[in-house]
Amino acid sequence: MKKVIDWFKEFWFVWFFLLLFYVGLRISGYDIKIVEIDKNDNFSKKGELN
C-alpha cells in the first residue's frame, strides 16, 4: 500500500491536470458518461438507440 501512496504522491500533477481538464469540459457544457454496451442486444429495436 505504501508503494501506491508514494506513486500517487510522485505523480500528483497528472491527477491535478486531469481534474482541471474535467472541470473545464463540464464548464463548457460537455458531459463525460461511461456507457455499458450490451453486445447481445445488437440494436434489436430498430430505429432506437439505447
PDB file of N, CA and C in Angstrom:
ATOM      1  N   MET A   1       0.829  -1.196   0.000  1.00  0.00           N
ATOM      2  CA  MET A   1       0.000   0.000   0.000  1.00  0.00           C
ATOM      3  C   MET A   1       0.869   1.254   0.000  1.00  0.00           C
ATOM      4  N   LYS A   2       2.015   1.175   0.660  1.00  0.00           N
ATOM      5  CA  LYS A   2       2.908   2.334   0.693  1.00  0.00           C
ATOM      6  C   LYS A   2       3.413   2.685  -0.710  1.00  0.00           C
ATOM      7  N   LYS A   3       3.649   1.665  -1.538  1.00  0.00           N
ATOM      8  CA  LYS A   3       4.099   1.934  -2.910  1.00  0.00           C
ATOM      9  C   LYS A   3       3.035   2.693  -3.694  1.00  0.00           C
ATOM     10  N   VAL A   4       1.775   2.328  -3.483  1.00  0.00           N
ATOM     11  CA  VAL A   4       0.672   3.003  -4.185  1.00  0.00           C
ATOM     12  C   VAL A   4       0.581   4.460  -3.751  1.00  0.00           C
ATOM     13  N   ILE A   5       0.668   4.696  -2.450  1.00  0.00           N
ATOM     14  CA  ILE A   5       0.601   6.075  -1.935  1.00  0.00           C
ATOM     15  C   ILE A   5       1.782   6.893  -2.446  1.00  0.00           C
ATOM     16  N   ASP A   6       2.967   6.299  -2.464  1.00  0.00           N
ATOM     17  CA  ASP A   6       4.136   7.008  -2.990  1.00  0.00           C
ATOM     18  C   ASP A   6       3.974   7.324  -4.471  1.00  0.00           C
ATOM     19  N   TRP A   7       3.376   6.413  -5.229  1.00  0.00           N
ATOM     20  CA  TRP A   7       3.158   6.655  -6.666  1.00  0.00           C
ATOM     21  C   TRP A   7       2.216   7.827  -6.870  1.00  0.00           C
ATOM     22  N   PHE A   8       1.127   7.872  -6.073  1.00  0.00           N
ATOM     23  CA  PHE A   8       0.194   8.994  -6.193  1.00  0.00           C
ATOM     24  C   PHE A   8       0.852  10.311  -5.814  1.00  0.00           C
ATOM     25  N   LYS A   9       1.709  10.273  -4.806  1.00  0.00           N
ATOM     26  CA  LYS A   9       2.414  11.497  -4.408  1.00  0.00           C
ATOM     27  C   LYS A   9       3.385  11.932  -5.491  1.00  0.00           C
ATOM     28  N   GLU A  10       4.025  10.978  -6.143  1.00  0.00           N
ATOM     29  CA  GLU A  10       5.028  11.297  -7.163  1.00  0.00           C
ATOM     30  C   GLU A  10       4.378  11.864  -8.421  1.00  0.00           C
ATOM     31  N   PHE A  11       3.199  11.376  -8.770  1.00  0.00           N
ATOM     32  CA  PHE A  11       2.534  11.823  -9.997  1.00  0.00           C
ATOM     33  C   PHE A  11       1.303  12.657  -9.694  1.00  0.00           C
ATOM     34  N   TRP A  12       1.368  13.517  -8.678  1.00  0.00           N
ATOM     35  CA  TRP A  12       0.220  14.335  -8.293  1.00  0.00           C
ATOM     36  C   TRP A  12      -0.204  15.270  -9.418  1.00  0.00           C
ATOM     37  N   PHE A  13       0.751  15.722 -10.220  1.00  0.00           N
ATOM     38  CA  PHE A  13       0.430  16.680 -11.281  1.00  0.00           C
ATOM     39  C   PHE A  13      -0.453  16.056 -12.349  1.00  0.00           C
ATOM     40  N   VAL A  14      -0.318  14.750 -12.581  1.00  0.00           N
ATOM     41  CA  VAL A  14      -1.171  14.069 -13.566  1.00  0.00           C
ATOM     42  C   VAL A  14      -2.628  14.142 -13.112  1.00  0.00           C
ATOM     43  N   TRP A  15      -2.872  13.827 -11.846  1.00  0.00           N
ATOM     44  CA  TRP A  15      -4.248  13.862 -11.328  1.00  0.00           C
ATOM     45  C   TRP A  15      -4.760  15.292 -11.292  1.00  0.00           C
ATOM     46  N   PHE A  16      -3.889  16.259 -10.987  1.00  0.00           N
ATOM     47  CA  PHE A  16      -4.293  17.657 -10.949  1.00  0.00           C
ATOM     48  C   PHE A  16      -4.744  18.132 -12.332  1.00  0.00           C
ATOM     49  N   PHE A  17      -3.989  17.813 -13.377  1.00  0.00           N
ATOM     50  CA  PHE A  17      -4.354  18.254 -14.719  1.00  0.00           C
ATOM     51  C   PHE A  17      -5.573  17.505 -15.252  1.00  0.00           C
ATOM     52  N   LEU A  18      -5.724  16.224 -14.886  1.00  0.00           N
ATOM     53  CA  LEU A  18      -6.942  15.504 -15.264  1.00  0.00           C
ATOM     54  C   LEU A  18      -8.169  16.143 -14.625  1.00  0.00           C
ATOM     55  N   LEU A  19      -8.042  16.547 -13.383  1.00  0.00           N
ATOM     56  CA  LEU A  19      -9.151  17.211 -12.703  1.00  0.00           C
ATOM     57  C   LEU A  19      -9.464  18.551 -13.358  1.00  0.00           C
ATOM     58  N   LEU A  20      -8.433  19.323 -13.687  1.00  0.00           N
ATOM     59  CA  LEU A  20      -8.648  20.600 -14.374  1.00  0.00           C
ATOM     60  C   LEU A  20      -9.303  20.395 -15.735  1.00  0.00           C
ATOM     61  N   PHE A  21      -8.868  19.376 -16.467  1.00  0.00           N
ATOM     62  CA  PHE A  21      -9.443  19.072 -17.770  1.00  0.00           C
ATOM     63  C   PHE A  21     -10.925  18.725 -17.636  1.00  0.00           C
ATOM     64  N   TYR A  22     -11.253  17.906 -16.641  1.00  0.00           N
ATOM     65  CA  TYR A  22     -12.638  17.510 -16.419  1.00  0.00           C
ATOM     66  C   TYR A  22     -13.501  18.716 -16.048  1.00  0.00           C
ATOM     67  N   VAL A  23     -13.000  19.555 -15.165  1.00  0.00           N
ATOM     68  CA  VAL A  23     -13.756  20.749 -14.769  1.00  0.00           C
ATOM     69  C   VAL A  23     -13.944  21.674 -15.973  1.00  0.00           C
ATOM     70  N   GLY A  24     -12.909  21.816 -16.791  1.00  0.00           N
ATOM     71  CA  GLY A  24     -13.030  22.644 -17.996  1.00  0.00           C
ATOM     72  C   GLY A  24     -14.072  22.112 -18.960  1.00  0.00           C
ATOM     73  N   LEU A  25     -14.125  20.795 -19.142  1.00  0.00           N
ATOM     74  CA  LEU A  25     -15.148  20.212 -20.008  1.00  0.00           C
ATOM     75  C   LEU A  25     -16.540  20.448 -19.449  1.00  0.00           C
ATOM     76  N   ARG A  26     -16.697  20.288 -18.153  1.00  0.00           N
ATOM     77  CA  ARG A  26     -18.004  20.479 -17.535  1.00  0.00           C
ATOM     78  C   ARG A  26     -18.458  21.923 -17.662  1.00  0.00           C
ATOM     79  N   ILE A  27     -17.547  22.875 -17.493  1.00  0.00           N
ATOM     80  CA  ILE A  27     -17.901  24.296 -17.597  1.00  0.00           C
ATOM     81  C   ILE A  27     -18.313  24.628 -19.022  1.00  0.00           C
ATOM     82  N   SER A  28     -17.662  24.029 -20.018  1.00  0.00           N
ATOM     83  CA  SER A  28     -18.002  24.318 -21.405  1.00  0.00           C
ATOM     84  C   SER A  28     -19.185  23.501 -21.905  1.00  0.00           C
ATOM     85  N   GLY A  29     -19.813  22.729 -21.051  1.00  0.00           N
ATOM     86  CA  GLY A  29     -21.071  22.085 -21.416  1.00  0.00           C
ATOM     87  C   GLY A  29     -20.973  20.628 -21.797  1.00  0.00           C
ATOM     88  N   TYR A  30     -19.800  20.046 -21.774  1.00  0.00           N
ATOM     89  CA  TYR A  30     -19.661  18.638 -22.115  1.00  0.00           C
ATOM     90  C   TYR A  30     -19.885  17.774 -20.877  1.00  0.00           C
ATOM     91  N   ASP A  31     -20.352  16.563 -21.109  1.00  0.00           N
ATOM     92  CA  ASP A  31     -20.554  15.629 -20.013  1.00  0.00           C
ATOM     93  C   ASP A  31     -19.904  14.309 -20.390  1.00  0.00           C
ATOM     94  N   ILE A  32     -19.096  13.779 -19.510  1.00  0.00           N
ATOM     95  CA  ILE A  32     -18.423  12.507 -19.760  1.00  0.00           C
ATOM     96  C   ILE A  32     -19.258  11.414 -19.119  1.00  0.00           C
ATOM     97  N   LYS A  33     -19.720  10.481 -19.942  1.00  0.00           N
ATOM     98  CA  LYS A  33     -20.525   9.385 -19.429  1.00  0.00           C
ATOM     99  C   LYS A  33     -19.870   8.066 -19.806  1.00  0.00           C
ATOM    100  N   ILE A  34     -19.870   7.142 -18.886  1.00  0.00           N
ATOM    101  CA  ILE A  34     -19.398   5.789 -19.164  1.00  0.00           C
ATOM    102  C   ILE A  34     -20.635   4.940 -19.399  1.00  0.00           C
ATOM    103  N   VAL A  35     -20.788   4.431 -20.623  1.00  0.00           N
ATOM    104  CA  VAL A  35     -21.983   3.700 -21.014  1.00  0.00           C
ATOM    105  C   VAL A  35     -21.608   2.239 -21.230  1.00  0.00           C
ATOM    106  N   GLU A  36     -22.375   1.369 -20.631  1.00  0.00           N
ATOM    107  CA  GLU A  36     -22.149  -0.061 -20.820  1.00  0.00           C
ATOM    108  C   GLU A  36     -22.850  -0.506 -22.093  1.00  0.00           C
ATOM    109  N   ILE A  37     -22.135  -1.168 -22.965  1.00  0.00           N
ATOM    110  CA  ILE A  37     -22.690  -1.638 -24.231  1.00  0.00           C
ATOM    111  C   ILE A  37     -23.063  -3.109 -24.081  1.00  0.00           C
ATOM    112  N   ASP A  38     -24.313  -3.399 -24.379  1.00  0.00           N
ATOM    113  CA  ASP A  38     -24.781  -4.782 -24.304  1.00  0.00           C
ATOM    114  C   ASP A  38     -24.534  -5.428 -25.660  1.00  0.00           C
ATOM    115  N   LYS A  39     -23.585  -6.344 -25.737  1.00  0.00           N
ATOM    116  CA  LYS A  39     -23.219  -6.952 -27.015  1.00  0.00           C
ATOM    117  C   LYS A  39     -24.271  -7.937 -27.501  1.00  0.00           C
ATOM    118  N   ASN A  40     -25.147  -8.408 -26.626  1.00  0.00           N
ATOM    119  CA  ASN A  40     -26.170  -9.367 -27.035  1.00  0.00           C
ATOM    120  C   ASN A  40     -27.385  -8.692 -27.652  1.00  0.00           C
ATOM    121  N   ASP A  41     -27.493  -7.374 -27.491  1.00  0.00           N
ATOM    122  CA  ASP A  41     -28.677  -6.670 -27.971  1.00  0.00           C
ATOM    123  C   ASP A  41     -28.623  -6.433 -29.479  1.00  0.00           C
ATOM    124  N   ASN A  42     -27.487  -5.946 -29.988  1.00  0.00           N
ATOM    125  CA  ASN A  42     -27.286  -5.672 -31.413  1.00  0.00           C
ATOM    126  C   ASN A  42     -28.392  -4.811 -32.018  1.00  0.00           C
ATOM    127  N   PHE A  43     -28.845  -3.809 -31.274  1.00  0.00           N
ATOM    128  CA  PHE A  43     -29.893  -2.890 -31.726  1.00  0.00           C
ATOM    129  C   PHE A  43     -31.124  -3.649 -32.225  1.00  0.00           C
ATOM    130  N   SER A  44     -31.596  -4.547 -31.390  1.00  0.00           N
ATOM    131  CA  SER A  44     -32.744  -5.357 -31.793  1.00  0.00           C
ATOM    132  C   SER A  44     -33.995  -4.500 -32.008  1.00  0.00           C
ATOM    133  N   LYS A  45     -34.084  -3.402 -31.310  1.00  0.00           N
ATOM    134  CA  LYS A  45     -35.197  -2.482 -31.551  1.00  0.00           C
ATOM    135  C   LYS A  45     -34.752  -1.515 -32.646  1.00  0.00           C
ATOM    136  N   LYS A  46     -35.165  -1.762 -33.852  1.00  0.00           N
ATOM    137  CA  LYS A  46     -34.693  -0.968 -34.984  1.00  0.00           C
ATOM    138  C   LYS A  46     -35.235   0.445 -34.891  1.00  0.00           C
ATOM    139  N   GLY A  47     -34.371   1.390 -35.199  1.00  0.00           N
ATOM    140  CA  GLY A  47     -34.756   2.789 -35.154  1.00  0.00           C
ATOM    141  C   GLY A  47     -34.550   3.418 -33.783  1.00  0.00           C
ATOM    142  N   GLU A  48     -34.169   2.633 -32.801  1.00  0.00           N
ATOM    143  CA  GLU A  48     -33.931   3.172 -31.473  1.00  0.00           C
ATOM    144  C   GLU A  48     -32.493   2.905 -31.089  1.00  0.00           C
ATOM    145  N   LEU A  49     -31.902   3.896 -30.484  1.00  0.00           N
ATOM    146  CA  LEU A  49     -30.574   3.726 -29.936  1.00  0.00           C
ATOM    147  C   LEU A  49     -30.721   3.617 -28.434  1.00  0.00           C
ATOM    148  N   ASN A  50     -29.981   2.696 -27.831  1.00  0.00           N
ATOM    149  CA  ASN A  50     -30.086   2.520 -26.375  1.00  0.00           C
ATOM    150  C   ASN A  50     -29.383   3.629 -25.659  1.00  0.00           C
TER     151      ASN A  50
END
